[in-house]
Amino acid sequence: MVVDPLNLTQVILAEGNKQVNTTTNQIRTKYKNPKILAEAAIFIALATALSQIVIYVMPQGGSITLASMVPIIWLALRRGPKVGIATGVIYGIIQFMLLPYAIDPLQVLFDYPLAFAALGLAAFFPNKPILGATVAITGRFLMHFTSGAIWWAPIFAPSINPIAYSSIYNGSYLLPELVISGIMLYMLQKSRVLKVYL
């Protein structure tokens, strides 16, 4: 039996292209899935509603809320980093529309889309929601910290070290938020509600 190497190569390449196309179609289908889009919309709405239940508002932006980050973190745990990060970006844009604090386009990027996109990092710890929340909120802190040190500190505290100012300012509301989110996720985990939906 004689095998034509050229024909064999063409068959292998065709099969390879078929596999690549199948993978690409699966990725596209996942993000066109109406169920995932509906879930993202519901979780964004829930997070937005919770963000309106404010315990304390900081003078230059940032607030302590009733676990407003938990829905985005929960969705990230449920659907993975891509969906979690994309949902966080949309939620961040909505937060900017509701309560805009803006002095520079880059500052807006750090304080809103990038800061809330960081909540999607929880998805890398699907079996450890508390650790996921800690990483996610730490990621958000780093975005606000950067913005605070570069843009906000020189305006509102020119005589204070910008790193110290930004650390204290952003930590003063994000640390309580982390505690509240951690307690809420712990309760959801203990009640097995998280396991039902993950």
Protein backbone atom coordinates (compact mmCIF):
# COMPACT_ATOMS: atom_id res chain seq x y z
CA MET A 1 0.00 0.00 0.00
CA VAL A 2 1.39 3.37 -1.05
CA VAL A 3 0.59 6.47 1.01
CA ASP A 4 0.64 9.82 -0.70
CA PRO A 5 2.36 12.14 1.82
CA LEU A 6 0.87 15.26 0.22
CA ASN A 7 -2.67 13.92 0.52
CA LEU A 8 -2.01 12.77 4.10
CA THR A 9 -0.74 16.24 5.01
CA GLN A 10 -3.86 17.82 3.53
CA VAL A 11 -6.08 15.46 5.54
CA ILE A 12 -4.19 16.26 8.79
CA LEU A 13 -4.39 20.01 8.11
CA ALA A 14 -8.09 19.77 7.34
CA GLU A 15 -8.71 17.87 10.60
CA GLY A 16 -6.65 20.41 12.51
CA ASN A 17 -8.65 23.30 11.03
CA LYS A 18 -11.85 21.49 11.92
CA GLN A 19 -10.75 21.21 15.56
CA VAL A 20 -9.72 24.88 15.72
CA ASN A 21 -13.04 25.95 14.20
CA THR A 22 -14.94 23.75 16.67
CA THR A 23 -13.08 25.31 19.64
CA THR A 24 -13.67 28.84 18.31
CA ASN A 25 -17.37 28.12 17.83
CA GLN A 26 -17.64 26.76 21.39
CA ILE A 27 -16.09 29.96 22.79
CA ARG A 28 -18.38 32.16 20.69
CA THR A 29 -21.43 30.11 21.66
CA LYS A 30 -20.58 30.39 25.35
CA TYR A 31 -20.65 34.19 25.25
CA LYS A 32 -23.81 34.28 23.12
CA ASN A 33 -25.56 31.98 25.57
CA PRO A 34 -28.74 33.81 26.66
CA LYS A 35 -28.65 32.07 30.04
CA ILE A 36 -25.19 33.50 30.86
CA LEU A 37 -26.19 36.96 29.60
CA ALA A 38 -29.37 36.82 31.71
CA GLU A 39 -27.39 35.73 34.77
CA ALA A 40 -24.88 38.54 34.28
CA ALA A 41 -27.70 41.09 33.96
CA ILE A 42 -29.40 39.79 37.13
CA PHE A 43 -26.17 39.77 39.15
CA ILE A 44 -25.26 43.29 37.94
CA ALA A 45 -28.73 44.50 38.91
CA LEU A 46 -28.45 42.86 42.34
CA ALA A 47 -24.97 44.32 42.92
CA THR A 48 -26.23 47.77 41.85
CA ALA A 49 -29.22 47.54 44.21
CA LEU A 50 -26.96 46.50 47.10
CA SER A 51 -24.55 49.34 46.30
CA GLN A 52 -27.40 51.75 47.03
CA ILE A 53 -27.67 50.43 50.61
CA VAL A 54 -24.82 52.54 51.91
CA ILE A 55 -23.40 52.32 55.41
CA TYR A 56 -20.83 55.09 54.90
CA VAL A 57 -19.65 57.22 51.96
CA MET A 58 -16.10 58.52 51.73
CA PRO A 59 -15.62 62.21 50.77
CA GLN A 60 -13.66 61.59 47.53
CA GLY A 61 -15.45 58.41 46.47
CA GLY A 62 -15.72 54.86 47.75
CA SER A 63 -18.25 53.58 50.24
CA ILE A 64 -19.08 50.78 52.64
CA THR A 65 -22.16 48.97 51.34
CA LEU A 66 -24.28 45.95 52.14
CA ALA A 67 -22.08 43.33 50.37
CA SER A 68 -22.50 44.93 46.94
CA MET A 69 -19.48 43.07 45.51
CA VAL A 70 -20.77 39.61 46.47
CA PRO A 71 -23.01 39.15 43.37
CA ILE A 72 -20.12 39.90 40.98
CA ILE A 73 -17.76 37.64 42.95
CA TRP A 74 -20.42 34.91 43.03
CA LEU A 75 -20.92 35.12 39.25
CA ALA A 76 -17.15 34.94 38.74
CA LEU A 77 -17.00 31.81 40.92
CA ARG A 78 -19.88 30.33 38.95
CA ARG A 79 -18.92 31.23 35.37
CA GLY A 80 -15.16 31.70 35.34
CA PRO A 81 -12.74 34.61 34.96
CA LYS A 82 -13.75 35.84 31.49
CA VAL A 83 -17.41 36.23 32.41
CA GLY A 84 -16.51 37.55 35.88
CA ILE A 85 -14.09 40.17 34.57
CA ALA A 86 -16.42 41.28 31.74
CA THR A 87 -19.32 41.58 34.19
CA GLY A 88 -17.12 43.56 36.57
CA VAL A 89 -16.23 46.01 33.79
CA ILE A 90 -19.92 46.60 32.99
CA TYR A 91 -20.73 46.98 36.69
CA GLY A 92 -17.88 49.49 37.04
CA ILE A 93 -19.26 51.58 34.17
CA ILE A 94 -22.69 51.57 35.83
CA GLN A 95 -21.09 52.66 39.13
CA PHE A 96 -19.44 55.57 37.31
CA MET A 97 -22.78 56.56 35.79
CA LEU A 98 -24.46 56.49 39.22
CA LEU A 99 -21.76 58.30 41.22
CA PRO A 100 -19.02 59.74 39.01
CA TYR A 101 -15.78 60.92 40.57
CA ALA A 102 -13.58 62.06 37.71
CA ILE A 103 -10.53 64.25 37.32
CA ASP A 104 -8.69 62.41 34.54
CA PRO A 105 -9.68 59.76 31.93
CA LEU A 106 -6.99 57.35 33.18
CA GLN A 107 -8.14 57.86 36.77
CA VAL A 108 -11.69 56.94 35.70
CA LEU A 109 -10.33 53.79 34.04
CA PHE A 110 -8.52 52.75 37.23
CA ASP A 111 -11.33 53.67 39.64
CA TYR A 112 -14.21 52.10 37.71
CA PRO A 113 -13.80 49.50 34.91
CA LEU A 114 -10.41 48.13 36.04
CA ALA A 115 -11.22 48.23 39.76
CA PHE A 116 -14.46 46.28 39.37
CA ALA A 117 -12.99 44.00 36.69
CA ALA A 118 -10.61 42.81 39.41
CA LEU A 119 -13.60 41.20 41.15
CA GLY A 120 -13.51 38.59 38.39
CA LEU A 121 -10.20 37.32 39.84
CA ALA A 122 -12.28 35.40 42.39
CA ALA A 123 -12.95 32.89 39.61
CA PHE A 124 -9.43 31.49 39.96
CA PHE A 125 -10.44 30.05 43.35
CA PRO A 126 -13.79 28.34 42.62
CA ASN A 127 -13.58 25.97 45.58
CA LYS A 128 -12.38 28.63 48.03
CA PRO A 129 -14.86 31.53 47.81
CA ILE A 130 -13.45 33.41 50.82
CA LEU A 131 -9.93 33.32 49.35
CA GLY A 132 -11.38 34.28 45.96
CA ALA A 133 -13.15 37.28 47.52
CA THR A 134 -9.96 38.31 49.31
CA VAL A 135 -7.93 38.20 46.07
CA ALA A 136 -10.69 39.99 44.15
CA ILE A 137 -11.10 42.82 46.67
CA THR A 138 -7.31 43.13 47.01
CA GLY A 139 -7.19 43.54 43.22
CA ARG A 140 -9.81 46.26 43.46
CA PHE A 141 -7.82 47.92 46.28
CA LEU A 142 -4.68 47.99 44.10
CA MET A 143 -6.57 49.80 41.32
CA HIS A 144 -7.98 52.42 43.72
CA PHE A 145 -4.62 52.69 45.50
CA THR A 146 -2.87 53.46 42.20
CA SER A 147 -5.48 56.06 41.31
CA GLY A 148 -5.31 57.60 44.79
CA ALA A 149 -1.53 57.85 44.85
CA ILE A 150 -1.25 59.34 41.35
CA TRP A 151 -4.31 61.61 41.03
CA TRP A 152 -6.21 62.09 44.30
CA ALA A 153 -3.43 62.53 46.89
CA PRO A 154 -1.74 65.53 45.20
CA ILE A 155 -5.10 67.36 45.13
CA PHE A 156 -6.60 66.49 48.53
CA ALA A 157 -3.51 65.78 50.65
CA PRO A 158 -0.47 67.48 49.07
CA SER A 159 1.41 67.56 52.37
CA ILE A 160 1.00 63.80 53.03
CA ASN A 161 2.95 60.97 51.43
CA PRO A 162 0.69 59.88 48.51
CA ILE A 163 1.32 56.18 49.16
CA ALA A 164 0.35 56.51 52.83
CA TYR A 165 -2.68 58.65 51.98
CA SER A 166 -3.97 56.28 49.30
CA SER A 167 -3.38 53.18 51.45
CA ILE A 168 -5.24 54.61 54.44
CA TYR A 169 -8.03 56.18 52.40
CA ASN A 170 -8.83 53.15 50.27
CA GLY A 171 -8.19 50.63 53.03
CA SER A 172 -10.61 52.45 55.34
CA TYR A 173 -13.62 51.43 53.25
CA LEU A 174 -12.39 48.35 51.37
CA LEU A 175 -11.30 46.50 54.51
CA PRO A 176 -14.82 46.70 56.02
CA GLU A 177 -16.21 45.75 52.60
CA LEU A 178 -13.95 42.69 52.60
CA VAL A 179 -15.16 41.69 56.06
CA ILE A 180 -18.83 42.13 55.10
CA SER A 181 -18.34 40.23 51.80
CA GLY A 182 -16.42 37.46 53.57
CA ILE A 183 -19.17 37.01 56.17
CA MET A 184 -21.85 36.94 53.46
CA LEU A 185 -19.94 34.40 51.34
CA TYR A 186 -19.25 32.28 54.43
CA MET A 187 -22.98 32.23 55.23
CA LEU A 188 -23.83 31.33 51.63
CA GLN A 189 -21.21 28.59 51.67
CA LYS A 190 -22.44 27.17 54.99
CA SER A 191 -26.04 27.19 53.80
CA ARG A 192 -24.84 25.33 50.68
CA VAL A 193 -26.49 27.90 48.44
CA LEU A 194 -23.15 28.53 46.74
CA LYS A 195 -22.70 24.82 45.98
CA VAL A 196 -26.16 24.62 44.43
CA TYR A 197 -25.35 27.37 41.97
CA LEU A 198 -21.64 26.73 41.34
